[in-house]
C-alpha atoms as a PDB file:
ATOM      1  CA  UNK A   1       6.385 -13.932  18.857  1.00  0.00           C
ATOM      2  CA  UNK A   2       2.825 -14.438  19.600  1.00  0.00           C
ATOM      3  CA  UNK A   3      -0.009 -15.371  17.217  1.00  0.00           C
ATOM      4  CA  UNK A   4      -3.502 -14.718  18.110  1.00  0.00           C
ATOM      5  CA  UNK A   5      -6.870 -14.384  15.978  1.00  0.00           C
ATOM      6  CA  UNK A   6      -9.040 -12.335  18.455  1.00  0.00           C
ATOM      7  CA  UNK A   7      -9.430  -8.557  19.360  1.00  0.00           C
ATOM      8  CA  UNK A   8      -9.764  -9.697  23.112  1.00  0.00           C
ATOM      9  CA  UNK A   9      -6.295 -11.363  22.560  1.00  0.00           C
ATOM     10  CA  UNK A  10      -4.435  -8.551  21.388  1.00  0.00           C
ATOM     11  CA  UNK A  11      -6.119  -5.791  23.525  1.00  0.00           C
ATOM     12  CA  UNK A  12      -4.712  -7.869  26.615  1.00  0.00           C
ATOM     13  CA  UNK A  13      -1.654  -8.320  25.107  1.00  0.00           C
ATOM     14  CA  UNK A  14      -0.705  -4.933  24.457  1.00  0.00           C
ATOM     15  CA  UNK A  15      -2.084  -3.865  27.758  1.00  0.00           C
ATOM     16  CA  UNK A  16       0.652  -6.453  29.058  1.00  0.00           C
ATOM     17  CA  UNK A  17       3.327  -4.927  26.730  1.00  0.00           C
ATOM     18  CA  UNK A  18       5.262  -1.787  28.140  1.00  0.00           C
ATOM     19  CA  UNK A  19       6.566   0.573  26.304  1.00  0.00           C
ATOM     20  CA  UNK A  20       5.692   1.998  22.536  1.00  0.00           C
ATOM     21  CA  UNK A  21       4.143  -0.137  20.067  1.00  0.00           C
ATOM     22  CA  UNK A  22       4.418  -0.568  16.085  1.00  0.00           C
ATOM     23  CA  UNK A  23       2.105  -1.467  14.294  1.00  0.00           C
ATOM     24  CA  UNK A  24       2.625  -3.352  10.723  1.00  0.00           C
ATOM     25  CA  UNK A  25      -0.958  -3.782   8.452  1.00  0.00           C
ATOM     26  CA  UNK A  26      -0.894  -5.969   5.928  1.00  0.00           C
ATOM     27  CA  UNK A  27      -2.815  -8.736   3.842  1.00  0.00           C
ATOM     28  CA  UNK A  28      -0.007 -11.607   3.875  1.00  0.00           C
ATOM     29  CA  UNK A  29       1.854 -12.977   1.228  1.00  0.00           C
ATOM     30  CA  UNK A  30       4.743 -11.517   2.166  1.00  0.00           C
ATOM     31  CA  UNK A  31       8.118 -10.357   0.722  1.00  0.00           C
ATOM     32  CA  UNK A  32      11.185  -8.210   1.402  1.00  0.00           C
ATOM     33  CA  UNK A  33       9.342  -5.205   1.004  1.00  0.00           C
ATOM     34  CA  UNK A  34       6.826  -5.853   4.372  1.00  0.00           C
ATOM     35  CA  UNK A  35      10.341  -7.582   6.136  1.00  0.00           C
ATOM     36  CA  UNK A  36      11.402  -3.779   5.679  1.00  0.00           C
ATOM     37  CA  UNK A  37       8.261  -2.326   7.310  1.00  0.00           C
ATOM     38  CA  UNK A  38       8.878  -4.933  10.624  1.00  0.00           C
ATOM     39  CA  UNK A  39      12.579  -4.423  10.660  1.00  0.00           C
ATOM     40  CA  UNK A  40      11.819  -0.239  10.775  1.00  0.00           C
ATOM     41  CA  UNK A  41       8.523  -0.732  13.224  1.00  0.00           C
ATOM     42  CA  UNK A  42      11.738  -2.920  15.392  1.00  0.00           C
ATOM     43  CA  UNK A  43      14.106  -0.017  15.056  1.00  0.00           C
ATOM     44  CA  UNK A  44      11.601   2.643  16.636  1.00  0.00           C
ATOM     45  CA  UNK A  45       9.240   0.702  18.722  1.00  0.00           C
ATOM     46  CA  UNK A  46       9.516  -1.594  22.105  1.00  0.00           C
ATOM     47  CA  UNK A  47       7.262  -4.301  20.037  1.00  0.00           C
ATOM     48  CA  UNK A  48       5.958  -4.297  16.803  1.00  0.00           C
ATOM     49  CA  UNK A  49       2.768  -6.256  15.984  1.00  0.00           C
ATOM     50  CA  UNK A  50       1.551  -7.145  12.389  1.00  0.00           C
ATOM     51  CA  UNK A  51      -2.193  -7.951  10.845  1.00  0.00           C
ATOM     52  CA  UNK A  52      -2.467 -10.263   8.282  1.00  0.00           C
ATOM     53  CA  UNK A  53      -5.786 -10.292   7.155  1.00  0.00           C
ATOM     54  CA  UNK A  54      -7.518 -10.057   3.191  1.00  0.00           C
ATOM     55  CA  UNK A  55     -10.263  -7.543   3.617  1.00  0.00           C
ATOM     56  CA  UNK A  56     -13.033  -8.549   1.868  1.00  0.00           C
ATOM     57  CA  UNK A  57     -14.451  -4.812   1.930  1.00  0.00           C
ATOM     58  CA  UNK A  58     -11.602  -3.565  -0.247  1.00  0.00           C
ATOM     59  CA  UNK A  59     -12.283  -5.900  -3.526  1.00  0.00           C
ATOM     60  CA  UNK A  60     -14.400  -5.078  -5.747  1.00  0.00           C
ATOM     61  CA  UNK A  61     -17.599  -7.457  -7.255  1.00  0.00           C
ATOM     62  CA  UNK A  62     -15.263  -7.535 -10.240  1.00  0.00           C
ATOM     63  CA  UNK A  63     -12.204  -8.856  -8.369  1.00  0.00           C
ATOM     64  CA  UNK A  64     -11.210 -11.737  -7.496  1.00  0.00           C
ATOM     65  CA  UNK A  65     -10.854 -12.175  -3.610  1.00  0.00           C
ATOM     66  CA  UNK A  66     -10.936 -16.340  -3.481  1.00  0.00           C
ATOM     67  CA  UNK A  67      -7.843 -15.975  -5.761  1.00  0.00           C
ATOM     68  CA  UNK A  68      -5.793 -13.280  -3.120  1.00  0.00           C
ATOM     69  CA  UNK A  69      -2.337 -15.110  -3.030  1.00  0.00           C
ATOM     70  CA  UNK A  70      -2.165 -16.808   0.769  1.00  0.00           C
ATOM     71  CA  UNK A  71       0.920 -18.371   2.492  1.00  0.00           C
ATOM     72  CA  UNK A  72       0.513 -18.050   6.249  1.00  0.00           C
ATOM     73  CA  UNK A  73       3.243 -20.429   7.417  1.00  0.00           C
ATOM     74  CA  UNK A  74       5.689 -18.903   5.138  1.00  0.00           C
ATOM     75  CA  UNK A  75       4.567 -15.511   6.611  1.00  0.00           C
ATOM     76  CA  UNK A  76       4.728 -16.258  10.087  1.00  0.00           C
ATOM     77  CA  UNK A  77       8.634 -17.809   9.469  1.00  0.00           C
ATOM     78  CA  UNK A  78       9.371 -14.055   7.329  1.00  0.00           C
ATOM     79  CA  UNK A  79       7.486 -12.286  10.424  1.00  0.00           C
ATOM     80  CA  UNK A  80       9.377 -14.023  13.092  1.00  0.00           C
ATOM     81  CA  UNK A  81      13.123 -13.349  11.331  1.00  0.00           C
ATOM     82  CA  UNK A  82      11.929  -9.402  11.064  1.00  0.00           C
ATOM     83  CA  UNK A  83      11.138  -9.189  14.700  1.00  0.00           C
ATOM     84  CA  UNK A  84       7.102  -8.957  15.034  1.00  0.00           C
ATOM     85  CA  UNK A  85       6.604  -9.656  18.487  1.00  0.00           C
ATOM     86  CA  UNK A  86       2.629  -9.917  18.055  1.00  0.00           C
ATOM     87  CA  UNK A  87       0.683 -11.535  14.596  1.00  0.00           C
ATOM     88  CA  UNK A  88      -3.073 -11.226  14.099  1.00  0.00           C
ATOM     89  CA  UNK A  89      -4.468 -13.498  12.056  1.00  0.00           C
ATOM     90  CA  UNK A  90      -8.336 -12.992  12.649  1.00  0.00           C
ATOM     91  CA  UNK A  91     -11.417 -14.862  10.527  1.00  0.00           C
ATOM     92  CA  UNK A  92     -13.310 -12.222   8.353  1.00  0.00           C
ATOM     93  CA  UNK A  93     -16.002 -12.942  11.300  1.00  0.00           C
ATOM     94  CA  UNK A  94     -13.685 -11.195  13.715  1.00  0.00           C
ATOM     95  CA  UNK A  95     -13.326  -8.180  11.766  1.00  0.00           C
ATOM     96  CA  UNK A  96     -17.189  -7.784  10.400  1.00  0.00           C
ATOM     97  CA  UNK A  97     -19.299  -9.718  12.456  1.00  0.00           C
ATOM     98  CA  UNK A  98     -23.028 -10.146  11.707  1.00  0.00           C
ATOM     99  CA  UNK A  99     -24.813  -7.514  11.419  1.00  0.00           C
ATOM    100  CA  UNK A 100     -21.840  -4.979  10.711  1.00  0.00           C
ATOM    101  CA  UNK A 101     -22.933  -1.679   9.191  1.00  0.00           C
ATOM    102  CA  UNK A 102     -20.459   1.097   9.540  1.00  0.00           C
ATOM    103  CA  UNK A 103     -17.675   2.109   7.029  1.00  0.00           C
ATOM    104  CA  UNK A 104     -15.262   4.779   7.038  1.00  0.00           C
ATOM    105  CA  UNK A 105     -15.553   7.112   4.203  1.00  0.00           C
ATOM    106  CA  UNK A 106     -12.755   9.502   3.003  1.00  0.00           C
ATOM    107  CA  UNK A 107     -13.852  11.738   0.513  1.00  0.00           C
ATOM    108  CA  UNK A 108     -11.728  13.900  -2.274  1.00  0.00           C
ATOM    109  CA  UNK A 109      -8.687  12.217  -2.416  1.00  0.00           C
ATOM    110  CA  UNK A 110     -10.475   8.844  -2.888  1.00  0.00           C
ATOM    111  CA  UNK A 111     -12.280   9.863  -6.493  1.00  0.00           C
ATOM    112  CA  UNK A 112      -9.609   9.828  -8.510  1.00  0.00           C
ATOM    113  CA  UNK A 113      -6.044   7.293  -9.632  1.00  0.00           C
ATOM    114  CA  UNK A 114      -7.369   3.763  -8.270  1.00  0.00           C
ATOM    115  CA  UNK A 115     -10.269   5.045  -6.564  1.00  0.00           C
ATOM    116  CA  UNK A 116     -11.325   5.851 -10.217  1.00  0.00           C
ATOM    117  CA  UNK A 117     -11.659   2.668 -11.340  1.00  0.00           C
ATOM    118  CA  UNK A 118     -12.138   0.282  -8.111  1.00  0.00           C
ATOM    119  CA  UNK A 119     -15.017   2.780  -6.410  1.00  0.00           C
ATOM    120  CA  UNK A 120     -15.222   0.990  -3.066  1.00  0.00           C
ATOM    121  CA  UNK A 121     -11.693   0.250  -2.725  1.00  0.00           C
ATOM    122  CA  UNK A 122     -10.931   2.697  -0.345  1.00  0.00           C
ATOM    123  CA  UNK A 123     -13.919   2.911   1.581  1.00  0.00           C
ATOM    124  CA  UNK A 124     -12.855  -0.784   2.622  1.00  0.00           C
ATOM    125  CA  UNK A 125      -8.880   0.058   2.976  1.00  0.00           C
ATOM    126  CA  UNK A 126     -10.282   3.048   5.170  1.00  0.00           C
ATOM    127  CA  UNK A 127     -12.380   1.085   7.527  1.00  0.00           C
ATOM    128  CA  UNK A 128     -10.070  -2.124   8.250  1.00  0.00           C
ATOM    129  CA  UNK A 129      -7.056   0.636   8.485  1.00  0.00           C
ATOM    130  CA  UNK A 130      -9.365   2.464  11.424  1.00  0.00           C
ATOM    131  CA  UNK A 131     -10.744  -0.568  13.130  1.00  0.00           C
ATOM    132  CA  UNK A 132      -6.782  -2.066  13.005  1.00  0.00           C
ATOM    133  CA  UNK A 133      -5.885   1.550  14.952  1.00  0.00           C
ATOM    134  CA  UNK A 134      -8.487   0.763  16.986  1.00  0.00           C
ATOM    135  CA  UNK A 135      -7.617  -2.843  17.936  1.00  0.00           C
ATOM    136  CA  UNK A 136      -3.792  -2.497  18.461  1.00  0.00           C
ATOM    137  CA  UNK A 137      -3.615   1.591  19.468  1.00  0.00           C
ATOM    138  CA  UNK A 138       0.001   1.678  18.080  1.00  0.00           C
ATOM    139  CA  UNK A 139       2.190   4.619  18.635  1.00  0.00           C
ATOM    140  CA  UNK A 140       3.369   4.600  14.754  1.00  0.00           C
ATOM    141  CA  UNK A 141       1.813   2.402  11.778  1.00  0.00           C
ATOM    142  CA  UNK A 142       4.310   1.421   9.057  1.00  0.00           C
ATOM    143  CA  UNK A 143       3.120   1.440   5.165  1.00  0.00           C
ATOM    144  CA  UNK A 144       5.186   1.354   2.037  1.00  0.00           C
ATOM    145  CA  UNK A 145       5.157   4.192  -0.551  1.00  0.00           C
ATOM    146  CA  UNK A 146       4.289   2.209  -3.250  1.00  0.00           C
ATOM    147  CA  UNK A 147       0.714   1.868  -2.178  1.00  0.00           C
ATOM    148  CA  UNK A 148       1.204   5.641  -2.596  1.00  0.00           C
ATOM    149  CA  UNK A 149      -2.813   6.857  -2.696  1.00  0.00           C
ATOM    150  CA  UNK A 150      -3.380   4.632   0.332  1.00  0.00           C
ATOM    151  CA  UNK A 151      -0.721   6.745   2.195  1.00  0.00           C
ATOM    152  CA  UNK A 152      -2.791   9.586   1.450  1.00  0.00           C
ATOM    153  CA  UNK A 153      -5.876   8.394   2.310  1.00  0.00           C
ATOM    154  CA  UNK A 154      -5.103   7.163   5.443  1.00  0.00           C
ATOM    155  CA  UNK A 155      -3.147  10.041   6.659  1.00  0.00           C
ATOM    156  CA  UNK A 156      -6.304  12.309   5.644  1.00  0.00           C
ATOM    157  CA  UNK A 157      -8.026   9.754   7.695  1.00  0.00           C
ATOM    158  CA  UNK A 158      -5.711   9.912  10.798  1.00  0.00           C
ATOM    159  CA  UNK A 159      -6.089  13.254  10.548  1.00  0.00           C
ATOM    160  CA  UNK A 160      -9.481  13.426  10.273  1.00  0.00           C
ATOM    161  CA  UNK A 161     -10.068  11.318  12.791  1.00  0.00           C
ATOM    162  CA  UNK A 162      -7.799  12.119  15.450  1.00  0.00           C
ATOM    163  CA  UNK A 163      -6.213   9.044  15.961  1.00  0.00           C
ATOM    164  CA  UNK A 164      -3.310   9.836  18.325  1.00  0.00           C
ATOM    165  CA  UNK A 165      -0.495   8.027  16.092  1.00  0.00           C
ATOM    166  CA  UNK A 166       2.301   8.766  13.838  1.00  0.00           C
ATOM    167  CA  UNK A 167       2.313   7.339  10.159  1.00  0.00           C
ATOM    168  CA  UNK A 168       5.553   6.487   9.155  1.00  0.00           C
ATOM    169  CA  UNK A 169       5.773   5.793   5.186  1.00  0.00           C
ATOM    170  CA  UNK A 170       9.198   3.544   4.263  1.00  0.00           C
ATOM    171  CA  UNK A 171      10.542   3.668   0.507  1.00  0.00           C
ATOM    172  CA  UNK A 172       9.423   1.369  -2.323  1.00  0.00           C
ATOM    173  CA  UNK A 173      11.607  -1.885  -1.883  1.00  0.00           C
ATOM    174  CA  UNK A 174      12.487  -3.008  -5.784  1.00  0.00           C
ATOM    175  CA  UNK A 175      14.124  -5.769  -7.856  1.00  0.00           C
ATOM    176  CA  UNK A 176      17.735  -5.226  -9.117  1.00  0.00           C
ATOM    177  CA  UNK A 177      15.893  -4.296 -12.405  1.00  0.00           C
ATOM    178  CA  UNK A 178      13.429  -1.892 -10.801  1.00  0.00           C
ATOM    179  CA  UNK A 179      10.183  -3.781 -10.590  1.00  0.00           C
ATOM    180  CA  UNK A 180       8.534  -2.706  -7.488  1.00  0.00           C
ATOM    181  CA  UNK A 181       7.844  -5.989  -4.915  1.00  0.00           C
ATOM    182  CA  UNK A 182       4.337  -6.809  -5.008  1.00  0.00           C
ATOM    183  CA  UNK A 183       2.296 -10.110  -3.975  1.00  0.00           C
ATOM    184  CA  UNK A 184       0.594  -9.977  -7.059  1.00  0.00           C
ATOM    185  CA  UNK A 185       3.739 -10.339  -9.278  1.00  0.00           C
ATOM    186  CA  UNK A 186       3.664 -13.900  -8.571  1.00  0.00           C
ATOM    187  CA  UNK A 187       1.112 -13.726 -11.684  1.00  0.00           C
ATOM    188  CA  UNK A 188       3.505 -12.803 -13.911  1.00  0.00           C
ATOM    189  CA  UNK A 189       4.612 -15.134 -16.643  1.00  0.00           C
ATOM    190  CA  UNK A 190       8.551 -14.994 -17.479  1.00  0.00           C
ATOM    191  CA  UNK A 191       7.603 -13.180 -20.368  1.00  0.00           C
ATOM    192  CA  UNK A 192       5.654 -10.618 -18.587  1.00  0.00           C
ATOM    193  CA  UNK A 193       8.108 -10.165 -15.664  1.00  0.00           C
ATOM    194  CA  UNK A 194      10.682  -9.013 -18.349  1.00  0.00           C
ATOM    195  CA  UNK A 195       8.478  -6.644 -19.231  1.00  0.00           C
ATOM    196  CA  UNK A 196       7.225  -5.334 -15.905  1.00  0.00           C
ATOM    197  CA  UNK A 197       9.914  -3.265 -15.235  1.00  0.00           C
ATOM    198  CA  UNK A 198       8.965  -0.615 -17.805  1.00  0.00           C
ATOM    199  CA  UNK A 199       6.597   1.255 -15.275  1.00  0.00           C
ATOM    200  CA  UNK A 200       9.783   1.869 -13.357  1.00  0.00           C
ATOM    201  CA  UNK A 201      11.953   2.714 -16.447  1.00  0.00           C
ATOM    202  CA  UNK A 202       8.709   5.212 -17.539  1.00  0.00           C
ATOM    203  CA  UNK A 203       8.949   6.994 -13.783  1.00  0.00           C
ATOM    204  CA  UNK A 204      12.740   7.236 -14.251  1.00  0.00           C
ATOM    205  CA  UNK A 205      12.140   9.353 -17.602  1.00  0.00           C
ATOM    206  CA  UNK A 206       9.947  11.422 -16.278  1.00  0.00           C
ATOM    207  CA  UNK A 207      11.869  12.190 -12.401  1.00  0.00           C
ATOM    208  CA  UNK A 208      14.882  12.688 -14.828  1.00  0.00           C
ATOM    209  CA  UNK A 209      12.996  15.475 -17.160  1.00  0.00           C
ATOM    210  CA  UNK A 210      11.671  16.787 -14.146  1.00  0.00           C
ATOM    211  CA  UNK A 211      14.688  17.003 -12.784  1.00  0.00           C
ATOM    212  CA  UNK A 212      15.969  18.768 -15.584  1.00  0.00           C
ATOM    213  CA  UNK A 213      14.141  21.362 -15.406  1.00  0.00           C
ATOM    214  CA  UNK A 214      10.788  20.064 -16.946  1.00  0.00           C
ATOM    215  CA  UNK A 215       8.083  21.049 -14.695  1.00  0.00           C
ATOM    216  CA  UNK A 216       4.767  20.838 -16.758  1.00  0.00           C
ATOM    217  CA  UNK A 217       2.682  18.352 -15.712  1.00  0.00           C
ATOM    218  CA  UNK A 218       0.957  17.516 -19.441  1.00  0.00           C
ATOM    219  CA  UNK A 219       4.448  17.118 -20.708  1.00  0.00           C
ATOM    220  CA  UNK A 220       5.392  14.670 -17.762  1.00  0.00           C
ATOM    221  CA  UNK A 221       2.311  12.585 -18.488  1.00  0.00           C
ATOM    222  CA  UNK A 222       3.384  12.553 -21.916  1.00  0.00           C
ATOM    223  CA  UNK A 223       6.726  10.983 -21.028  1.00  0.00           C
ATOM    224  CA  UNK A 224       5.155   8.024 -18.925  1.00  0.00           C
ATOM    225  CA  UNK A 225       2.868   7.561 -21.788  1.00  0.00           C
ATOM    226  CA  UNK A 226       5.318   7.039 -24.648  1.00  0.00           C
ATOM    227  CA  UNK A 227       7.121   4.758 -22.741  1.00  0.00           C
ATOM    228  CA  UNK A 228       4.829   2.435 -21.669  1.00  0.00           C
ATOM    229  CA  UNK A 229       3.352   2.515 -24.757  1.00  0.00           C
ATOM    230  CA  UNK A 230       7.077   1.522 -26.332  1.00  0.00           C
ATOM    231  CA  UNK A 231       6.288  -2.086 -24.213  1.00  0.00           C
ATOM    232  CA  UNK A 232       3.807  -4.070 -26.187  1.00  0.00           C
ATOM    233  CA  UNK A 233       2.755  -6.389 -22.758  1.00  0.00           C
ATOM    234  CA  UNK A 234       1.842  -3.174 -20.881  1.00  0.00           C
ATOM    235  CA  UNK A 235      -1.250  -1.606 -20.943  1.00  0.00           C
ATOM    236  CA  UNK A 236      -2.135   1.491 -18.985  1.00  0.00           C
ATOM    237  CA  UNK A 237      -4.735   2.251 -17.457  1.00  0.00           C
ATOM    238  CA  UNK A 238      -3.868   5.874 -16.201  1.00  0.00           C
ATOM    239  CA  UNK A 239      -0.827   8.164 -15.842  1.00  0.00           C
ATOM    240  CA  UNK A 240      -0.429  10.713 -13.325  1.00  0.00           C
ATOM    241  CA  UNK A 241       1.589  13.729 -12.295  1.00  0.00           C
ATOM    242  CA  UNK A 242      -0.032  14.448  -9.012  1.00  0.00           C
ATOM    243  CA  UNK A 243      -0.227  16.644  -6.114  1.00  0.00           C
ATOM    244  CA  UNK A 244       1.252  14.815  -3.399  1.00  0.00           C
ATOM    245  CA  UNK A 245      -1.207  15.845  -1.019  1.00  0.00           C
ATOM    246  CA  UNK A 246      -4.574  16.524  -2.769  1.00  0.00           C
ATOM    247  CA  UNK A 247      -3.801  14.015  -5.838  1.00  0.00           C
ATOM    248  CA  UNK A 248      -5.305  16.709  -8.382  1.00  0.00           C
ATOM    249  CA  UNK A 249      -3.476  16.703 -11.572  1.00  0.00           C
ATOM    250  CA  UNK A 250      -0.827  19.288 -11.963  1.00  0.00           C
ATOM    251  CA  UNK A 251       0.137  21.732 -14.412  1.00  0.00           C
ATOM    252  CA  UNK A 252       2.621  23.492 -12.684  1.00  0.00           C
ATOM    253  CA  UNK A 253       4.556  20.705 -11.352  1.00  0.00           C
ATOM    254  CA  UNK A 254       7.412  22.935 -10.246  1.00  0.00           C
ATOM    255  CA  UNK A 255       7.007  22.661  -6.458  1.00  0.00           C
ATOM    256  CA  UNK A 256       6.651  19.038  -6.072  1.00  0.00           C
ATOM    257  CA  UNK A 257       4.874  15.947  -7.707  1.00  0.00           C
ATOM    258  CA  UNK A 258       3.871  12.216  -7.313  1.00  0.00           C
ATOM    259  CA  UNK A 259       4.314  10.656 -10.524  1.00  0.00           C
ATOM    260  CA  UNK A 260       1.973   7.338 -10.820  1.00  0.00           C
ATOM    261  CA  UNK A 261       0.708   4.951 -12.664  1.00  0.00           C
ATOM    262  CA  UNK A 262      -1.509   1.777 -12.951  1.00  0.00           C
ATOM    263  CA  UNK A 263      -0.630  -0.796 -15.824  1.00  0.00           C
ATOM    264  CA  UNK A 264      -1.819  -4.214 -16.648  1.00  0.00           C
ATOM    265  CA  UNK A 265       0.836  -6.689 -17.604  1.00  0.00           C
ATOM    266  CA  UNK A 266      -1.243  -9.882 -18.224  1.00  0.00           C
ATOM    267  CA  UNK A 267      -3.449 -11.246 -15.257  1.00  0.00           C
ATOM    268  CA  UNK A 268      -1.620  -8.539 -12.560  1.00  0.00           C
ATOM    269  CA  UNK A 269      -2.695  -5.188 -12.578  1.00  0.00           C
ATOM    270  CA  UNK A 270       0.643  -3.047 -11.182  1.00  0.00           C
ATOM    271  CA  UNK A 271       0.963  -0.183  -9.764  1.00  0.00           C
ATOM    272  CA  UNK A 272       4.038   2.283  -8.918  1.00  0.00           C
ATOM    273  CA  UNK A 273       5.246   5.667  -8.385  1.00  0.00           C
ATOM    274  CA  UNK A 274       7.829   8.462  -7.542  1.00  0.00           C
ATOM    275  CA  UNK A 275       7.451  10.991  -5.187  1.00  0.00           C
ATOM    276  CA  UNK A 276       9.311  14.177  -6.204  1.00  0.00           C
ATOM    277  CA  UNK A 277       9.984  17.070  -4.304  1.00  0.00           C
END
């Protein structure tokens, strides 16, 4: 496994590596969910590239970029075991050199859900992912379903800008009690950790209702709210029953729905979702 910092090194290795390439973009502090993405990319490509970059442009002014968890040594060990061939760990100035002033803005699908709470977030996500696609030139790029809105945004960007690659979305990896794996779970105290699976319980309750024939979007959102409010440590930011492609809230969810939510549990702002079709 080669670990490099510069764009020129990534491009040189990419040119020399014959065959297909899969890319797994990450912000580091990796867990089993990231390993699953690398393992899937390993199965489907001749080479696997991974980026580790805590992207400053997707953090809002009230979000603590410096506090985002980091452990590069552990990350590299996990990636070597999972089968990565190339890891790019650029300094900020390599990605955003002095004078940088070009950003990618995806419109409607970034204005709701996470985008409503974090209005500059997806501009930063779309910009850095576009740069990653440009640097690595992968045949396939791998993302986790846990960041459901991010997946919608990146798919929209890839279509609109004609990136010649396949976006591969892999299932959410969960703990035994249903909590979705996340780098932010490290912020949970033991009491908060015990409360956090309420997100998945709420999603499962709404899923079960949908599968039993409840297709009214507002009633599904009501189920999500009721389960969450029964947990005193959970502070919901939003619940959603939306169109899986446009993210518009649905009245009639009979043709499929993305159930999602953001909930603060202590210091951690947790997101989770279930896609039904």
